[in-house]
């Protein structure tokens, strides 16, 4: 096997992974960050990390690829939030800006702590199972159920306070 044919196969594998996961990962990052440009940055960082660390493996794509990509996007998004100092707005009551309930729900979700935010987005918006969320986050399923329950209670209370429930 020559070096060029191996590189061509590796590039094709990488392209196939990007085609399959780019849309869902962008949607997930957008829900965390609320900004298209930052979401694209987070997804790009995840793909670059994947290429540096795993693309040369012979069994690529592999079983936990999806979980690893979602985890990498989440970590990149959290890093971007901290670098952009968006954390300073957490905990402050933000007035209803648009009058659109779905935008207010996303604003409230973004006010949750990062673990709660991640679980709510995966479960409600991405419709992932508890097992899939467990594989992505590394948390056990019982913890996911508890965090999801607490998060939904918090969201409902904030929606009620905003007059949307």
N, C-alpha and C. Protein backbone atom coordinates (compact mmCIF):
# COMPACT_ATOMS: atom_id res chain seq x y z
N UNK A 1 0.86 -1.17 0.00
CA UNK A 1 0.00 0.00 0.00
C UNK A 1 0.90 1.24 0.00
N UNK A 2 0.64 2.13 -0.94
CA UNK A 2 1.48 3.32 -0.96
C UNK A 2 0.88 4.41 -0.09
N UNK A 3 1.72 5.38 0.19
CA UNK A 3 1.36 6.46 1.12
C UNK A 3 0.21 7.31 0.60
N UNK A 4 0.16 7.56 -0.70
CA UNK A 4 -0.89 8.39 -1.30
C UNK A 4 -2.27 7.74 -1.20
N UNK A 5 -2.35 6.44 -1.44
CA UNK A 5 -3.65 5.79 -1.37
C UNK A 5 -4.15 5.75 0.07
N UNK A 6 -3.24 5.56 1.02
CA UNK A 6 -3.63 5.60 2.45
C UNK A 6 -4.14 7.00 2.82
N UNK A 7 -3.44 8.03 2.36
CA UNK A 7 -3.85 9.41 2.64
C UNK A 7 -5.21 9.71 2.00
N UNK A 8 -5.43 9.22 0.77
CA UNK A 8 -6.72 9.41 0.11
C UNK A 8 -7.85 8.76 0.89
N UNK A 9 -7.62 7.53 1.37
CA UNK A 9 -8.65 6.84 2.16
C UNK A 9 -8.92 7.58 3.47
N UNK A 10 -7.87 8.07 4.10
CA UNK A 10 -8.02 8.81 5.36
C UNK A 10 -8.81 10.09 5.12
N UNK A 11 -8.50 10.79 4.04
CA UNK A 11 -9.24 12.02 3.72
C UNK A 11 -10.71 11.73 3.43
N UNK A 12 -10.98 10.64 2.73
CA UNK A 12 -12.37 10.27 2.45
C UNK A 12 -13.12 9.93 3.73
N UNK A 13 -12.46 9.23 4.65
CA UNK A 13 -13.08 8.92 5.94
C UNK A 13 -13.40 10.21 6.70
N UNK A 14 -12.46 11.13 6.71
CA UNK A 14 -12.66 12.41 7.41
C UNK A 14 -13.81 13.19 6.78
N UNK A 15 -13.86 13.23 5.47
CA UNK A 15 -14.96 13.93 4.78
C UNK A 15 -16.31 13.31 5.11
N UNK A 16 -16.36 11.98 5.16
CA UNK A 16 -17.62 11.30 5.48
C UNK A 16 -18.07 11.62 6.90
N UNK A 17 -17.13 11.67 7.84
CA UNK A 17 -17.47 12.01 9.22
C UNK A 17 -17.98 13.44 9.31
N UNK A 18 -17.32 14.35 8.63
CA UNK A 18 -17.75 15.75 8.64
C UNK A 18 -19.14 15.88 8.05
N UNK A 19 -19.39 15.22 6.92
CA UNK A 19 -20.72 15.28 6.30
C UNK A 19 -21.80 14.75 7.23
N UNK A 20 -21.50 13.67 7.96
CA UNK A 20 -22.50 13.06 8.83
C UNK A 20 -22.76 13.87 10.09
N UNK A 21 -21.72 14.45 10.68
CA UNK A 21 -21.86 15.05 12.01
C UNK A 21 -21.89 16.58 12.04
N UNK A 22 -21.49 17.24 10.98
CA UNK A 22 -21.38 18.70 11.03
C UNK A 22 -22.71 19.38 11.38
N UNK A 23 -23.79 19.00 10.73
CA UNK A 23 -25.09 19.62 10.99
C UNK A 23 -25.56 19.45 12.43
N UNK A 24 -25.62 18.21 12.94
CA UNK A 24 -26.05 18.03 14.33
C UNK A 24 -25.13 18.71 15.35
N UNK A 25 -23.82 18.70 15.09
CA UNK A 25 -22.90 19.34 16.02
C UNK A 25 -23.05 20.86 15.99
N UNK A 26 -23.27 21.43 14.81
CA UNK A 26 -23.51 22.88 14.72
C UNK A 26 -24.79 23.27 15.46
N UNK A 27 -25.82 22.47 15.29
CA UNK A 27 -27.09 22.74 15.98
C UNK A 27 -26.89 22.68 17.50
N UNK A 28 -26.16 21.68 17.96
CA UNK A 28 -25.89 21.54 19.38
C UNK A 28 -25.07 22.73 19.91
N UNK A 29 -24.01 23.09 19.20
CA UNK A 29 -23.17 24.22 19.63
C UNK A 29 -23.96 25.52 19.61
N UNK A 30 -24.81 25.69 18.62
CA UNK A 30 -25.63 26.90 18.53
C UNK A 30 -26.57 27.01 19.73
N UNK A 31 -27.10 25.88 20.17
CA UNK A 31 -28.00 25.90 21.32
C UNK A 31 -27.25 26.28 22.60
N UNK A 32 -26.00 25.91 22.70
CA UNK A 32 -25.21 26.28 23.87
C UNK A 32 -24.78 27.74 23.79
N UNK A 33 -24.29 28.14 22.62
CA UNK A 33 -23.64 29.45 22.49
C UNK A 33 -24.57 30.57 22.04
N UNK A 34 -25.61 30.23 21.28
CA UNK A 34 -26.52 31.26 20.79
C UNK A 34 -25.90 32.17 19.73
N UNK A 35 -24.84 31.72 19.11
CA UNK A 35 -24.13 32.54 18.13
C UNK A 35 -23.56 31.62 17.05
N UNK A 36 -23.95 31.85 15.79
CA UNK A 36 -23.51 30.98 14.69
C UNK A 36 -21.99 30.94 14.53
N UNK A 37 -21.37 32.08 14.60
CA UNK A 37 -19.93 32.15 14.41
C UNK A 37 -19.19 31.37 15.49
N UNK A 38 -19.60 31.56 16.74
CA UNK A 38 -18.97 30.82 17.83
C UNK A 38 -19.25 29.32 17.72
N UNK A 39 -20.47 28.96 17.29
CA UNK A 39 -20.82 27.55 17.11
C UNK A 39 -19.92 26.92 16.06
N UNK A 40 -19.69 27.62 14.96
CA UNK A 40 -18.80 27.10 13.91
C UNK A 40 -17.38 26.92 14.45
N UNK A 41 -16.93 27.89 15.26
CA UNK A 41 -15.60 27.77 15.86
C UNK A 41 -15.49 26.52 16.73
N UNK A 42 -16.53 26.27 17.55
CA UNK A 42 -16.51 25.11 18.44
C UNK A 42 -16.48 23.80 17.65
N UNK A 43 -17.28 23.72 16.60
CA UNK A 43 -17.32 22.49 15.79
C UNK A 43 -15.99 22.30 15.05
N UNK A 44 -15.45 23.38 14.53
CA UNK A 44 -14.14 23.28 13.85
C UNK A 44 -13.07 22.77 14.81
N UNK A 45 -13.07 23.31 16.05
CA UNK A 45 -12.09 22.85 17.03
C UNK A 45 -12.25 21.36 17.30
N UNK A 46 -13.48 20.88 17.37
CA UNK A 46 -13.73 19.46 17.62
C UNK A 46 -13.20 18.61 16.46
N UNK A 47 -13.46 19.03 15.23
CA UNK A 47 -12.99 18.27 14.08
C UNK A 47 -11.46 18.30 13.99
N UNK A 48 -10.86 19.44 14.28
CA UNK A 48 -9.40 19.53 14.26
C UNK A 48 -8.80 18.61 15.31
N UNK A 49 -9.40 18.61 16.51
CA UNK A 49 -8.94 17.72 17.57
C UNK A 49 -9.06 16.26 17.13
N UNK A 50 -10.16 15.91 16.51
CA UNK A 50 -10.36 14.55 16.03
C UNK A 50 -9.28 14.19 15.01
N UNK A 51 -9.03 15.08 14.06
CA UNK A 51 -8.03 14.80 13.02
C UNK A 51 -6.64 14.63 13.61
N UNK A 52 -6.31 15.45 14.59
CA UNK A 52 -4.98 15.35 15.21
C UNK A 52 -4.83 14.06 16.00
N UNK A 53 -5.89 13.66 16.68
CA UNK A 53 -5.78 12.56 17.64
C UNK A 53 -6.17 11.20 17.10
N UNK A 54 -7.15 11.13 16.19
CA UNK A 54 -7.76 9.83 15.91
C UNK A 54 -7.84 9.43 14.45
N UNK A 55 -7.72 10.34 13.53
CA UNK A 55 -8.03 10.05 12.13
C UNK A 55 -7.11 8.98 11.54
N UNK A 56 -5.92 8.79 12.11
CA UNK A 56 -4.98 7.83 11.55
C UNK A 56 -5.28 6.39 11.97
N UNK A 57 -6.20 6.22 12.91
CA UNK A 57 -6.51 4.88 13.39
C UNK A 57 -7.11 4.03 12.27
N UNK A 58 -6.77 2.78 12.26
CA UNK A 58 -7.25 1.90 11.20
C UNK A 58 -8.73 1.58 11.34
N UNK A 59 -9.25 1.63 12.55
CA UNK A 59 -10.67 1.30 12.75
C UNK A 59 -11.54 2.56 12.76
N UNK A 60 -11.09 3.62 12.11
CA UNK A 60 -11.84 4.87 12.05
C UNK A 60 -12.89 4.78 10.96
N UNK A 61 -14.11 5.23 11.10
CA UNK A 61 -14.71 5.74 12.33
C UNK A 61 -14.98 4.60 13.30
N UNK A 62 -14.98 4.92 14.57
CA UNK A 62 -15.05 3.91 15.60
C UNK A 62 -16.32 4.07 16.44
N UNK A 63 -16.52 3.13 17.36
CA UNK A 63 -17.79 3.03 18.09
C UNK A 63 -18.18 4.29 18.85
N UNK A 64 -17.27 4.92 19.55
CA UNK A 64 -17.60 6.07 20.38
C UNK A 64 -17.35 7.41 19.69
N UNK A 65 -17.28 7.41 18.39
CA UNK A 65 -16.99 8.63 17.65
C UNK A 65 -18.00 9.73 17.95
N UNK A 66 -19.28 9.41 17.91
CA UNK A 66 -20.32 10.40 18.15
C UNK A 66 -20.16 11.02 19.54
N UNK A 67 -19.99 10.19 20.55
CA UNK A 67 -19.83 10.69 21.92
C UNK A 67 -18.60 11.57 22.03
N UNK A 68 -17.51 11.16 21.42
CA UNK A 68 -16.27 11.95 21.49
C UNK A 68 -16.45 13.30 20.81
N UNK A 69 -17.13 13.32 19.67
CA UNK A 69 -17.34 14.59 18.96
C UNK A 69 -18.23 15.54 19.77
N UNK A 70 -19.34 15.03 20.30
CA UNK A 70 -20.22 15.88 21.10
C UNK A 70 -19.48 16.41 22.34
N UNK A 71 -18.69 15.57 22.98
CA UNK A 71 -17.93 16.01 24.15
C UNK A 71 -16.92 17.08 23.75
N UNK A 72 -16.26 16.90 22.64
CA UNK A 72 -15.27 17.88 22.18
C UNK A 72 -15.94 19.21 21.84
N UNK A 73 -17.11 19.17 21.20
CA UNK A 73 -17.84 20.40 20.89
C UNK A 73 -18.27 21.10 22.17
N UNK A 74 -18.78 20.32 23.11
CA UNK A 74 -19.20 20.92 24.39
C UNK A 74 -18.01 21.60 25.08
N UNK A 75 -16.89 20.90 25.15
CA UNK A 75 -15.71 21.48 25.79
C UNK A 75 -15.22 22.72 25.07
N UNK A 76 -15.24 22.70 23.75
CA UNK A 76 -14.84 23.88 22.98
C UNK A 76 -15.80 25.04 23.23
N UNK A 77 -17.10 24.74 23.29
CA UNK A 77 -18.11 25.78 23.53
C UNK A 77 -17.92 26.40 24.90
N UNK A 78 -17.68 25.58 25.90
CA UNK A 78 -17.46 26.09 27.25
C UNK A 78 -16.21 26.98 27.27
N UNK A 79 -15.16 26.53 26.60
CA UNK A 79 -13.95 27.34 26.52
C UNK A 79 -14.20 28.68 25.85
N UNK A 80 -14.99 28.67 24.78
CA UNK A 80 -15.30 29.92 24.09
C UNK A 80 -16.13 30.86 24.98
N UNK A 81 -17.04 30.28 25.73
CA UNK A 81 -17.85 31.10 26.63
C UNK A 81 -16.95 31.80 27.64
N UNK A 82 -16.06 31.06 28.24
CA UNK A 82 -15.17 31.66 29.22
C UNK A 82 -14.28 32.72 28.59
N UNK A 83 -13.75 32.43 27.41
CA UNK A 83 -12.88 33.41 26.76
C UNK A 83 -13.63 34.67 26.36
N UNK A 84 -14.89 34.53 26.00
CA UNK A 84 -15.68 35.69 25.58
C UNK A 84 -16.34 36.39 26.77
N UNK A 85 -16.08 35.86 27.97
CA UNK A 85 -16.59 36.44 29.22
C UNK A 85 -18.11 36.51 29.28
N UNK A 86 -18.75 35.55 28.62
CA UNK A 86 -20.21 35.51 28.67
C UNK A 86 -20.71 35.04 30.03
N UNK A 87 -19.82 34.46 30.81
CA UNK A 87 -20.22 33.94 32.12
C UNK A 87 -20.69 35.06 33.03
N UNK A 88 -20.20 36.26 32.84
CA UNK A 88 -20.56 37.37 33.74
C UNK A 88 -22.06 37.65 33.72
N UNK A 89 -22.77 37.20 32.66
CA UNK A 89 -24.22 37.43 32.58
C UNK A 89 -25.03 36.35 33.28
N UNK A 90 -24.40 35.27 33.69
CA UNK A 90 -25.12 34.18 34.35
C UNK A 90 -25.66 34.64 35.69
N UNK A 91 -26.86 34.18 35.99
CA UNK A 91 -27.47 34.49 37.28
C UNK A 91 -28.24 35.79 37.30
N UNK A 92 -27.97 36.67 36.36
CA UNK A 92 -28.72 37.92 36.28
C UNK A 92 -30.04 37.66 35.58
N UNK A 93 -31.09 38.31 36.04
CA UNK A 93 -32.38 38.18 35.37
C UNK A 93 -32.32 38.98 34.07
N UNK A 94 -32.51 38.30 32.98
CA UNK A 94 -32.46 38.94 31.67
C UNK A 94 -33.89 39.15 31.21
N UNK A 95 -34.27 40.38 30.88
CA UNK A 95 -35.65 40.63 30.47
C UNK A 95 -35.99 39.93 29.16
N UNK A 96 -37.27 39.60 28.99
CA UNK A 96 -37.74 38.99 27.76
C UNK A 96 -37.46 39.94 26.61
N UNK A 97 -36.65 39.49 25.67
CA UNK A 97 -36.18 40.37 24.61
C UNK A 97 -37.05 40.34 23.37
N UNK A 98 -37.56 39.18 23.02
CA UNK A 98 -38.17 39.06 21.71
C UNK A 98 -39.67 38.83 21.72
N UNK A 99 -40.18 38.38 22.83
CA UNK A 99 -41.59 38.03 22.86
C UNK A 99 -41.85 36.64 22.31
N UNK A 100 -40.81 35.95 21.81
CA UNK A 100 -40.97 34.60 21.28
C UNK A 100 -40.64 33.61 22.40
N UNK A 101 -41.62 32.77 22.77
CA UNK A 101 -41.39 31.84 23.87
C UNK A 101 -40.20 30.90 23.66
N UNK A 102 -40.00 30.41 22.43
CA UNK A 102 -38.89 29.48 22.20
C UNK A 102 -37.53 30.14 22.43
N UNK A 103 -37.42 31.43 22.13
CA UNK A 103 -36.17 32.14 22.38
C UNK A 103 -35.96 32.35 23.88
N UNK A 104 -37.05 32.60 24.59
CA UNK A 104 -36.94 32.75 26.04
C UNK A 104 -36.56 31.43 26.70
N UNK A 105 -37.09 30.32 26.20
CA UNK A 105 -36.71 29.01 26.74
C UNK A 105 -35.21 28.80 26.54
N UNK A 106 -34.69 29.09 25.36
CA UNK A 106 -33.26 28.91 25.11
C UNK A 106 -32.43 29.83 25.99
N UNK A 107 -32.89 31.04 26.23
CA UNK A 107 -32.17 31.96 27.11
C UNK A 107 -32.11 31.37 28.53
N UNK A 108 -33.22 30.82 28.98
CA UNK A 108 -33.27 30.21 30.32
C UNK A 108 -32.37 28.98 30.38
N UNK A 109 -32.39 28.17 29.34
CA UNK A 109 -31.51 26.99 29.30
C UNK A 109 -30.06 27.43 29.40
N UNK A 110 -29.69 28.50 28.72
CA UNK A 110 -28.30 28.99 28.76
C UNK A 110 -27.92 29.52 30.14
N UNK A 111 -28.90 29.82 30.98
CA UNK A 111 -28.61 30.29 32.34
C UNK A 111 -28.34 29.14 33.31
N UNK A 112 -28.68 27.91 32.91
CA UNK A 112 -28.41 26.74 33.76
C UNK A 112 -26.91 26.50 33.84
N UNK A 113 -26.49 25.72 34.84
CA UNK A 113 -25.06 25.39 34.87
C UNK A 113 -24.76 24.47 33.67
N UNK A 114 -23.50 24.30 33.36
CA UNK A 114 -23.12 23.65 32.10
C UNK A 114 -23.59 22.20 32.01
N UNK A 115 -23.52 21.45 33.09
CA UNK A 115 -23.97 20.05 33.04
C UNK A 115 -25.47 19.98 32.79
N UNK A 116 -26.24 20.81 33.50
CA UNK A 116 -27.69 20.83 33.31
C UNK A 116 -28.02 21.25 31.88
N UNK A 117 -27.34 22.28 31.42
CA UNK A 117 -27.55 22.79 30.06
C UNK A 117 -27.29 21.69 29.03
N UNK A 118 -26.21 20.99 29.20
CA UNK A 118 -25.83 19.93 28.27
C UNK A 118 -26.89 18.84 28.23
N UNK A 119 -27.35 18.42 29.39
CA UNK A 119 -28.34 17.33 29.46
C UNK A 119 -29.67 17.76 28.86
N UNK A 120 -30.12 18.98 29.17
CA UNK A 120 -31.39 19.47 28.63
C UNK A 120 -31.32 19.55 27.11
N UNK A 121 -30.24 20.07 26.59
CA UNK A 121 -30.11 20.19 25.13
C UNK A 121 -30.11 18.81 24.48
N UNK A 122 -29.34 17.88 25.03
CA UNK A 122 -29.32 16.54 24.45
C UNK A 122 -30.68 15.87 24.53
N UNK A 123 -31.34 15.94 25.67
CA UNK A 123 -32.57 15.19 25.88
C UNK A 123 -33.75 15.83 25.15
N UNK A 124 -33.93 17.13 25.30
CA UNK A 124 -35.13 17.77 24.77
C UNK A 124 -34.95 18.23 23.33
N UNK A 125 -33.84 18.88 23.04
CA UNK A 125 -33.66 19.44 21.70
C UNK A 125 -33.07 18.44 20.71
N UNK A 126 -32.12 17.62 21.17
CA UNK A 126 -31.48 16.64 20.28
C UNK A 126 -32.16 15.28 20.36
N UNK A 127 -33.06 15.07 21.31
CA UNK A 127 -33.83 13.85 21.50
C UNK A 127 -32.94 12.60 21.62
N UNK A 128 -31.88 12.72 22.40
CA UNK A 128 -30.98 11.60 22.65
C UNK A 128 -31.52 10.80 23.83
N UNK A 129 -31.23 9.51 23.84
CA UNK A 129 -31.62 8.66 24.96
C UNK A 129 -30.68 8.90 26.14
N UNK A 130 -31.10 8.45 27.32
CA UNK A 130 -30.23 8.59 28.50
C UNK A 130 -28.92 7.84 28.30
N UNK A 131 -28.98 6.69 27.64
CA UNK A 131 -27.77 5.93 27.36
C UNK A 131 -26.82 6.71 26.44
N UNK A 132 -27.36 7.32 25.39
CA UNK A 132 -26.53 8.12 24.49
C UNK A 132 -25.92 9.31 25.24
N UNK A 133 -26.72 9.97 26.07
CA UNK A 133 -26.22 11.10 26.85
C UNK A 133 -25.12 10.64 27.80
N UNK A 134 -25.31 9.48 28.38
CA UNK A 134 -24.31 8.92 29.29
C UNK A 134 -22.98 8.69 28.56
N UNK A 135 -23.06 8.14 27.37
CA UNK A 135 -21.84 7.89 26.59
C UNK A 135 -21.14 9.19 26.21
N UNK A 136 -21.92 10.21 25.89
CA UNK A 136 -21.34 11.49 25.47
C UNK A 136 -20.72 12.23 26.65
N UNK A 137 -21.44 12.28 27.77
CA UNK A 137 -21.01 13.09 28.90
C UNK A 137 -20.11 12.36 29.88
N UNK A 138 -20.19 11.02 29.88
CA UNK A 138 -19.43 10.26 30.85
C UNK A 138 -20.13 10.15 32.20
N UNK A 139 -21.33 10.70 32.33
CA UNK A 139 -22.11 10.60 33.57
C UNK A 139 -22.94 9.32 33.52
N UNK A 140 -23.28 8.79 34.71
CA UNK A 140 -24.14 7.61 34.70
C UNK A 140 -25.59 8.03 34.46
N UNK A 141 -26.41 7.08 34.07
CA UNK A 141 -27.79 7.38 33.69
C UNK A 141 -28.62 7.93 34.84
N UNK A 142 -28.37 7.46 36.07
CA UNK A 142 -29.13 7.97 37.21
C UNK A 142 -28.86 9.45 37.43
N UNK A 143 -27.61 9.85 37.30
CA UNK A 143 -27.25 11.27 37.44
C UNK A 143 -27.94 12.09 36.37
N UNK A 144 -28.01 11.57 35.17
CA UNK A 144 -28.67 12.27 34.08
C UNK A 144 -30.15 12.48 34.39
N UNK A 145 -30.81 11.45 34.87
CA UNK A 145 -32.23 11.56 35.20
C UNK A 145 -32.45 12.62 36.28
N UNK A 146 -31.62 12.60 37.32
CA UNK A 146 -31.75 13.57 38.42
C UNK A 146 -31.50 14.99 37.93
N UNK A 147 -30.42 15.19 37.17
CA UNK A 147 -30.11 16.53 36.66
C UNK A 147 -31.19 17.03 35.70
N UNK A 148 -31.71 16.15 34.88
CA UNK A 148 -32.77 16.54 33.95
C UNK A 148 -34.01 16.97 34.72
N UNK A 149 -34.39 16.21 35.73
CA UNK A 149 -35.56 16.55 36.54
C UNK A 149 -35.38 17.93 37.20
N UNK A 150 -34.23 18.14 37.84
CA UNK A 150 -33.96 19.43 38.50
C UNK A 150 -33.95 20.57 37.49
N UNK A 151 -33.39 20.32 36.32
CA UNK A 151 -33.31 21.35 35.29
C UNK A 151 -34.69 21.75 34.78
N UNK A 152 -35.53 20.76 34.56
CA UNK A 152 -36.88 21.03 34.06
C UNK A 152 -37.67 21.84 35.10
N UNK A 153 -37.49 21.50 36.38
CA UNK A 153 -38.14 22.27 37.46
C UNK A 153 -37.67 23.72 37.43
N UNK A 154 -36.36 23.94 37.28
CA UNK A 154 -35.81 25.31 37.23
C UNK A 154 -36.36 26.07 36.02
N UNK A 155 -36.37 25.41 34.87
CA UNK A 155 -36.87 26.06 33.65
C UNK A 155 -38.34 26.42 33.82
N UNK A 156 -39.14 25.52 34.34
CA UNK A 156 -40.57 25.78 34.54
C UNK A 156 -40.78 26.96 35.49
N UNK A 157 -40.00 27.01 36.57
CA UNK A 157 -40.14 28.12 37.53
C UNK A 157 -39.79 29.45 36.87
N UNK A 158 -38.75 29.47 36.07
CA UNK A 158 -38.34 30.72 35.40
C UNK A 158 -39.34 31.12 34.32
N UNK A 159 -39.90 30.15 33.63
CA UNK A 159 -40.93 30.45 32.63
C UNK A 159 -42.18 31.00 33.29
N UNK A 160 -42.52 30.42 34.43
CA UNK A 160 -43.69 30.90 35.17
C UNK A 160 -43.47 32.32 35.65
N UNK A 161 -42.26 32.60 36.16
CA UNK A 161 -41.91 33.94 36.61
C UNK A 161 -41.96 34.96 35.47
N UNK A 162 -41.60 34.50 34.28
CA UNK A 162 -41.62 35.39 33.10
C UNK A 162 -43.02 35.49 32.49
N UNK A 163 -43.99 34.77 33.07
CA UNK A 163 -45.36 34.81 32.59
C UNK A 163 -45.61 33.97 31.34
N UNK A 164 -44.75 33.02 31.08
CA UNK A 164 -44.90 32.19 29.88
C UNK A 164 -45.49 30.83 30.18
N UNK A 165 -45.78 30.55 31.45
CA UNK A 165 -46.40 29.27 31.83
C UNK A 165 -47.61 29.53 32.68
